[in-house]
Amino acid sequence: MAAQEYFLRAKRVLRRLEQFPESGRYLPEFPDLPHREIIVRPYRFVYRVMGTTVWVVTVWHGARQPIRPAS
């Protein structure tokens, strides 16, 4: 049940990117990259906007040290 609730919450938050693709913040660890993130605790969804497409490139657990995404 908890997994399903998390899935629905994450889906609702990520669907906002359809209308507001630049609403996430830039990655504080890598400010020179074009990637942004949306946090749905305890996970960080890292994405990149390319044209009219939003690509989720990785998902990090908030307790883990992130690695630099490929440009």
PDB file of N, CA and C in Angstrom:
ATOM      1  N   MET A   1       0.818  -1.200   0.000  1.00  0.00           N
ATOM      2  CA  MET A   1       0.000   0.000   0.000  1.00  0.00           C
ATOM      3  C   MET A   1       0.863   1.265   0.000  1.00  0.00           C
ATOM      4  N   ALA A   2       1.927   1.271   0.794  1.00  0.00           N
ATOM      5  CA  ALA A   2       2.791   2.454   0.860  1.00  0.00           C
ATOM      6  C   ALA A   2       3.454   2.713  -0.490  1.00  0.00           C
ATOM      7  N   ALA A   3       3.855   1.654  -1.173  1.00  0.00           N
ATOM      8  CA  ALA A   3       4.498   1.821  -2.481  1.00  0.00           C
ATOM      9  C   ALA A   3       3.522   2.429  -3.485  1.00  0.00           C
ATOM     10  N   GLN A   4       2.298   1.995  -3.454  1.00  0.00           N
ATOM     11  CA  GLN A   4       1.300   2.530  -4.371  1.00  0.00           C
ATOM     12  C   GLN A   4       1.025   4.013  -4.070  1.00  0.00           C
ATOM     13  N   GLU A   5       0.951   4.364  -2.808  1.00  0.00           N
ATOM     14  CA  GLU A   5       0.736   5.758  -2.425  1.00  0.00           C
ATOM     15  C   GLU A   5       1.915   6.631  -2.874  1.00  0.00           C
ATOM     16  N   TYR A   6       3.141   6.116  -2.708  1.00  0.00           N
ATOM     17  CA  TYR A   6       4.309   6.870  -3.155  1.00  0.00           C
ATOM     18  C   TYR A   6       4.279   7.044  -4.667  1.00  0.00           C
ATOM     19  N   PHE A   7       3.968   5.980  -5.384  1.00  0.00           N
ATOM     20  CA  PHE A   7       3.893   6.041  -6.842  1.00  0.00           C
ATOM     21  C   PHE A   7       2.905   7.118  -7.284  1.00  0.00           C
ATOM     22  N   LEU A   8       1.739   7.151  -6.686  1.00  0.00           N
ATOM     23  CA  LEU A   8       0.724   8.140  -7.069  1.00  0.00           C
ATOM     24  C   LEU A   8       1.176   9.558  -6.735  1.00  0.00           C
ATOM     25  N   ARG A   9       1.830   9.737  -5.595  1.00  0.00           N
ATOM     26  CA  ARG A   9       2.332  11.069  -5.218  1.00  0.00           C
ATOM     27  C   ARG A   9       3.424  11.517  -6.181  1.00  0.00           C
ATOM     28  N   ALA A  10       4.379  10.624  -6.478  1.00  0.00           N
ATOM     29  CA  ALA A  10       5.462  10.968  -7.407  1.00  0.00           C
ATOM     30  C   ALA A  10       4.904  11.264  -8.791  1.00  0.00           C
ATOM     31  N   LYS A  11       3.958  10.478  -9.238  1.00  0.00           N
ATOM     32  CA  LYS A  11       3.357  10.688 -10.557  1.00  0.00           C
ATOM     33  C   LYS A  11       2.680  12.053 -10.630  1.00  0.00           C
ATOM     34  N   ARG A  12       1.957  12.419  -9.586  1.00  0.00           N
ATOM     35  CA  ARG A  12       1.266  13.708  -9.547  1.00  0.00           C
ATOM     36  C   ARG A  12       2.272  14.864  -9.606  1.00  0.00           C
ATOM     37  N   VAL A  13       3.338  14.760  -8.839  1.00  0.00           N
ATOM     38  CA  VAL A  13       4.353  15.820  -8.823  1.00  0.00           C
ATOM     39  C   VAL A  13       5.058  15.903 -10.168  1.00  0.00           C
ATOM     40  N   LEU A  14       5.448  14.776 -10.721  1.00  0.00           N
ATOM     41  CA  LEU A  14       6.185  14.773 -11.985  1.00  0.00           C
ATOM     42  C   LEU A  14       5.312  15.194 -13.164  1.00  0.00           C
ATOM     43  N   ARG A  15       4.025  14.963 -13.088  1.00  0.00           N
ATOM     44  CA  ARG A  15       3.122  15.386 -14.176  1.00  0.00           C
ATOM     45  C   ARG A  15       3.091  16.908 -14.330  1.00  0.00           C
ATOM     46  N   ARG A  16       3.413  17.624 -13.267  1.00  0.00           N
ATOM     47  CA  ARG A  16       3.460  19.088 -13.354  1.00  0.00           C
ATOM     48  C   ARG A  16       4.513  19.562 -14.345  1.00  0.00           C
ATOM     49  N   LEU A  17       5.508  18.725 -14.590  1.00  0.00           N
ATOM     50  CA  LEU A  17       6.556  19.103 -15.538  1.00  0.00           C
ATOM     51  C   LEU A  17       6.017  19.241 -16.957  1.00  0.00           C
ATOM     52  N   GLU A  18       4.871  18.651 -17.239  1.00  0.00           N
ATOM     53  CA  GLU A  18       4.262  18.805 -18.567  1.00  0.00           C
ATOM     54  C   GLU A  18       3.944  20.277 -18.836  1.00  0.00           C
ATOM     55  N   GLN A  19       3.468  20.965 -17.826  1.00  0.00           N
ATOM     56  CA  GLN A  19       3.107  22.374 -18.000  1.00  0.00           C
ATOM     57  C   GLN A  19       4.211  23.330 -17.547  1.00  0.00           C
ATOM     58  N   PHE A  20       5.015  22.881 -16.586  1.00  0.00           N
ATOM     59  CA  PHE A  20       6.044  23.746 -16.017  1.00  0.00           C
ATOM     60  C   PHE A  20       7.387  23.010 -15.989  1.00  0.00           C
ATOM     61  N   PRO A  21       7.980  22.762 -17.160  1.00  0.00           N
ATOM     62  CA  PRO A  21       9.196  21.948 -17.202  1.00  0.00           C
ATOM     63  C   PRO A  21      10.405  22.577 -16.502  1.00  0.00           C
ATOM     64  N   GLU A  22      10.396  23.859 -16.300  1.00  0.00           N
ATOM     65  CA  GLU A  22      11.535  24.499 -15.646  1.00  0.00           C
ATOM     66  C   GLU A  22      11.244  24.817 -14.186  1.00  0.00           C
ATOM     67  N   SER A  23      10.265  24.137 -13.606  1.00  0.00           N
ATOM     68  CA  SER A  23       9.890  24.423 -12.219  1.00  0.00           C
ATOM     69  C   SER A  23      10.837  23.801 -11.205  1.00  0.00           C
ATOM     70  N   GLY A  24      11.588  22.790 -11.591  1.00  0.00           N
ATOM     71  CA  GLY A  24      12.539  22.186 -10.670  1.00  0.00           C
ATOM     72  C   GLY A  24      13.771  23.062 -10.500  1.00  0.00           C
ATOM     73  N   ARG A  25      14.501  22.809  -9.442  1.00  0.00           N
ATOM     74  CA  ARG A  25      15.706  23.607  -9.208  1.00  0.00           C
ATOM     75  C   ARG A  25      16.904  22.956  -9.891  1.00  0.00           C
ATOM     76  N   TYR A  26      17.896  23.789 -10.196  1.00  0.00           N
ATOM     77  CA  TYR A  26      19.156  23.258 -10.706  1.00  0.00           C
ATOM     78  C   TYR A  26      19.824  22.456  -9.602  1.00  0.00           C
ATOM     79  N   LEU A  27      20.643  21.504  -9.979  1.00  0.00           N
ATOM     80  CA  LEU A  27      21.323  20.660  -8.997  1.00  0.00           C
ATOM     81  C   LEU A  27      22.356  21.484  -8.233  1.00  0.00           C
ATOM     82  N   PRO A  28      22.211  21.596  -6.920  1.00  0.00           N
ATOM     83  CA  PRO A  28      23.163  22.413  -6.166  1.00  0.00           C
ATOM     84  C   PRO A  28      24.594  21.868  -6.239  1.00  0.00           C
ATOM     85  N   GLU A  29      24.741  20.547  -6.398  1.00  0.00           N
ATOM     86  CA  GLU A  29      26.073  19.946  -6.474  1.00  0.00           C
ATOM     87  C   GLU A  29      26.752  20.197  -7.822  1.00  0.00           C
ATOM     88  N   PHE A  30      25.944  20.430  -8.861  1.00  0.00           N
ATOM     89  CA  PHE A  30      26.460  20.600 -10.219  1.00  0.00           C
ATOM     90  C   PHE A  30      25.774  21.788 -10.900  1.00  0.00           C
ATOM     91  N   PRO A  31      26.003  23.006 -10.430  1.00  0.00           N
ATOM     92  CA  PRO A  31      25.276  24.161 -10.963  1.00  0.00           C
ATOM     93  C   PRO A  31      25.592  24.489 -12.422  1.00  0.00           C
ATOM     94  N   ASP A  32      26.666  23.920 -12.948  1.00  0.00           N
ATOM     95  CA  ASP A  32      27.036  24.193 -14.337  1.00  0.00           C
ATOM     96  C   ASP A  32      26.293  23.301 -15.332  1.00  0.00           C
ATOM     97  N   LEU A  33      25.555  22.321 -14.846  1.00  0.00           N
ATOM     98  CA  LEU A  33      24.818  21.413 -15.735  1.00  0.00           C
ATOM     99  C   LEU A  33      23.399  21.925 -15.999  1.00  0.00           C
ATOM    100  N   PRO A  34      22.808  21.532 -17.135  1.00  0.00           N
ATOM    101  CA  PRO A  34      21.439  21.966 -17.450  1.00  0.00           C
ATOM    102  C   PRO A  34      20.364  21.121 -16.753  1.00  0.00           C
ATOM    103  N   HIS A  35      20.765  20.160 -15.954  1.00  0.00           N
ATOM    104  CA  HIS A  35      19.815  19.272 -15.276  1.00  0.00           C
ATOM    105  C   HIS A  35      19.118  19.993 -14.126  1.00  0.00           C
ATOM    106  N   ARG A  36      17.908  19.557 -13.859  1.00  0.00           N
ATOM    107  CA  ARG A  36      17.118  20.077 -12.749  1.00  0.00           C
ATOM    108  C   ARG A  36      16.628  18.907 -11.921  1.00  0.00           C
ATOM    109  N   GLU A  37      16.054  19.201 -10.765  1.00  0.00           N
ATOM    110  CA  GLU A  37      15.532  18.120  -9.942  1.00  0.00           C
ATOM    111  C   GLU A  37      14.196  18.496  -9.332  1.00  0.00           C
ATOM    112  N   ILE A  38      13.424  17.448  -9.131  1.00  0.00           N
ATOM    113  CA  ILE A  38      12.175  17.531  -8.383  1.00  0.00           C
ATOM    114  C   ILE A  38      12.339  16.543  -7.236  1.00  0.00           C
ATOM    115  N   ILE A  39      12.057  16.985  -6.033  1.00  0.00           N
ATOM    116  CA  ILE A  39      12.206  16.110  -4.876  1.00  0.00           C
ATOM    117  C   ILE A  39      10.837  15.600  -4.456  1.00  0.00           C
ATOM    118  N   VAL A  40      10.744  14.291  -4.386  1.00  0.00           N
ATOM    119  CA  VAL A  40       9.585  13.608  -3.814  1.00  0.00           C
ATOM    120  C   VAL A  40      10.205  12.708  -2.755  1.00  0.00           C
ATOM    121  N   ARG A  41      10.275  13.210  -1.548  1.00  0.00           N
ATOM    122  CA  ARG A  41      11.023  12.536  -0.483  1.00  0.00           C
ATOM    123  C   ARG A  41      10.638  11.075  -0.345  1.00  0.00           C
ATOM    124  N   PRO A  42      11.655  10.230  -0.230  1.00  0.00           N
ATOM    125  CA  PRO A  42      13.068  10.501  -0.011  1.00  0.00           C
ATOM    126  C   PRO A  42      13.903  10.499  -1.301  1.00  0.00           C
ATOM    127  N   TYR A  43      13.267  10.602  -2.456  1.00  0.00           N
ATOM    128  CA  TYR A  43      13.992  10.516  -3.725  1.00  0.00           C
ATOM    129  C   TYR A  43      14.102  11.862  -4.433  1.00  0.00           C
ATOM    130  N   ARG A  44      15.189  11.999  -5.195  1.00  0.00           N
ATOM    131  CA  ARG A  44      15.432  13.173  -6.038  1.00  0.00           C
ATOM    132  C   ARG A  44      15.344  12.700  -7.486  1.00  0.00           C
ATOM    133  N   PHE A  45      14.397  13.230  -8.227  1.00  0.00           N
ATOM    134  CA  PHE A  45      14.234  12.902  -9.643  1.00  0.00           C
ATOM    135  C   PHE A  45      14.981  13.951 -10.453  1.00  0.00           C
ATOM    136  N   VAL A  46      16.029  13.532 -11.124  1.00  0.00           N
ATOM    137  CA  VAL A  46      16.867  14.453 -11.897  1.00  0.00           C
ATOM    138  C   VAL A  46      16.426  14.365 -13.353  1.00  0.00           C
ATOM    139  N   TYR A  47      16.184  15.529 -13.951  1.00  0.00           N
ATOM    140  CA  TYR A  47      15.680  15.540 -15.318  1.00  0.00           C
ATOM    141  C   TYR A  47      16.353  16.627 -16.130  1.00  0.00           C
ATOM    142  N   ARG A  48      16.153  16.533 -17.424  1.00  0.00           N
ATOM    143  CA  ARG A  48      16.688  17.531 -18.358  1.00  0.00           C
ATOM    144  C   ARG A  48      15.611  17.833 -19.390  1.00  0.00           C
ATOM    145  N   VAL A  49      15.455  19.097 -19.700  1.00  0.00           N
ATOM    146  CA  VAL A  49      14.496  19.523 -20.711  1.00  0.00           C
ATOM    147  C   VAL A  49      15.243  19.651 -22.032  1.00  0.00           C
ATOM    148  N   MET A  50      14.735  18.968 -23.060  1.00  0.00           N
ATOM    149  CA  MET A  50      15.330  19.047 -24.395  1.00  0.00           C
ATOM    150  C   MET A  50      14.193  19.304 -25.380  1.00  0.00           C
ATOM    151  N   GLY A  51      14.093  20.550 -25.827  1.00  0.00           N
ATOM    152  CA  GLY A  51      12.985  20.917 -26.707  1.00  0.00           C
ATOM    153  C   GLY A  51      11.685  20.869 -25.933  1.00  0.00           C
ATOM    154  N   THR A  52      10.748  20.066 -26.404  1.00  0.00           N
ATOM    155  CA  THR A  52       9.461  19.926 -25.718  1.00  0.00           C
ATOM    156  C   THR A  52       9.388  18.635 -24.900  1.00  0.00           C
ATOM    157  N   THR A  53      10.540  17.980 -24.727  1.00  0.00           N
ATOM    158  CA  THR A  53      10.577  16.713 -24.008  1.00  0.00           C
ATOM    159  C   THR A  53      11.314  16.865 -22.683  1.00  0.00           C
ATOM    160  N   VAL A  54      10.755  16.266 -21.647  1.00  0.00           N
ATOM    161  CA  VAL A  54      11.398  16.221 -20.337  1.00  0.00           C
ATOM    162  C   VAL A  54      11.890  14.792 -20.136  1.00  0.00           C
ATOM    163  N   TRP A  55      13.202  14.645 -19.965  1.00  0.00           N
ATOM    164  CA  TRP A  55      13.814  13.334 -19.762  1.00  0.00           C
ATOM    165  C   TRP A  55      14.229  13.189 -18.299  1.00  0.00           C
ATOM    166  N   VAL A  56      13.653  12.224 -17.597  1.00  0.00           N
ATOM    167  CA  VAL A  56      14.137  11.895 -16.256  1.00  0.00           C
ATOM    168  C   VAL A  56      15.368  11.032 -16.473  1.00  0.00           C
ATOM    169  N   VAL A  57      16.525  11.530 -16.042  1.00  0.00           N
ATOM    170  CA  VAL A  57      17.782  10.835 -16.340  1.00  0.00           C
ATOM    171  C   VAL A  57      18.267   9.956 -15.198  1.00  0.00           C
ATOM    172  N   THR A  58      17.852  10.247 -13.987  1.00  0.00           N
ATOM    173  CA  THR A  58      18.222   9.388 -12.863  1.00  0.00           C
ATOM    174  C   THR A  58      17.344   9.704 -11.663  1.00  0.00           C
ATOM    175  N   VAL A  59      17.321   8.774 -10.754  1.00  0.00           N
ATOM    176  CA  VAL A  59      16.603   8.951  -9.489  1.00  0.00           C
ATOM    177  C   VAL A  59      17.586   8.585  -8.385  1.00  0.00           C
ATOM    178  N   TRP A  60      17.798   9.516  -7.453  1.00  0.00           N
ATOM    179  CA  TRP A  60      18.717   9.277  -6.340  1.00  0.00           C
ATOM    180  C   TRP A  60      17.943   9.234  -5.039  1.00  0.00           C
ATOM    181  N   HIS A  61      18.356   8.356  -4.155  1.00  0.00           N
ATOM    182  CA  HIS A  61      17.831   8.414  -2.790  1.00  0.00           C
ATOM    183  C   HIS A  61      18.481   9.627  -2.132  1.00  0.00           C
ATOM    184  N   GLY A  62      17.730  10.376  -1.389  1.00  0.00           N
ATOM    185  CA  GLY A  62      18.234  11.603  -0.792  1.00  0.00           C
ATOM    186  C   GLY A  62      19.412  11.417   0.149  1.00  0.00           C
ATOM    187  N   ALA A  63      19.602  10.216   0.695  1.00  0.00           N
ATOM    188  CA  ALA A  63      20.711   9.959   1.609  1.00  0.00           C
ATOM    189  C   ALA A  63      22.016   9.645   0.874  1.00  0.00           C
ATOM    190  N   ARG A  64      21.950   9.439  -0.420  1.00  0.00           N
ATOM    191  CA  ARG A  64      23.145   9.070  -1.183  1.00  0.00           C
ATOM    192  C   ARG A  64      23.826  10.298  -1.765  1.00  0.00           C
ATOM    193  N   GLN A  65      25.124  10.193  -1.910  1.00  0.00           N
ATOM    194  CA  GLN A  65      25.905  11.258  -2.560  1.00  0.00           C
ATOM    195  C   GLN A  65      25.708  11.139  -4.056  1.00  0.00           C
ATOM    196  N   PRO A  66      25.237  12.178  -4.734  1.00  0.00           N
ATOM    197  CA  PRO A  66      24.986  12.091  -6.174  1.00  0.00           C
ATOM    198  C   PRO A  66      26.278  12.051  -6.976  1.00  0.00           C
ATOM    199  N   ILE A  67      26.171  11.429  -8.149  1.00  0.00           N
ATOM    200  CA  ILE A  67      27.278  11.455  -9.105  1.00  0.00           C
ATOM    201  C   ILE A  67      26.877  12.365 -10.252  1.00  0.00           C
ATOM    202  N   ARG A  68      27.845  12.894 -10.940  1.00  0.00           N
ATOM    203  CA  ARG A  68      27.599  13.843 -12.019  1.00  0.00           C
ATOM    204  C   ARG A  68      26.882  13.148 -13.179  1.00  0.00           C
ATOM    205  N   PRO A  69      25.684  13.628 -13.557  1.00  0.00           N
ATOM    206  CA  PRO A  69      24.986  13.044 -14.717  1.00  0.00           C
ATOM    207  C   PRO A  69      25.731  13.358 -16.012  1.00  0.00           C
ATOM    208  N   ALA A  70      25.570  12.499 -16.983  1.00  0.00           N
ATOM    209  CA  ALA A  70      26.165  12.740 -18.302  1.00  0.00           C
ATOM    210  C   ALA A  70      25.467  13.923 -18.952  1.00  0.00           C
ATOM    211  N   SER A  71      26.215  14.756 -19.642  1.00  0.00           N
ATOM    212  CA  SER A  71      25.623  15.931 -20.316  1.00  0.00           C
ATOM    213  C   SER A  71      24.964  15.534 -21.522  1.00  0.00           C
TER     214      SER A  71
END
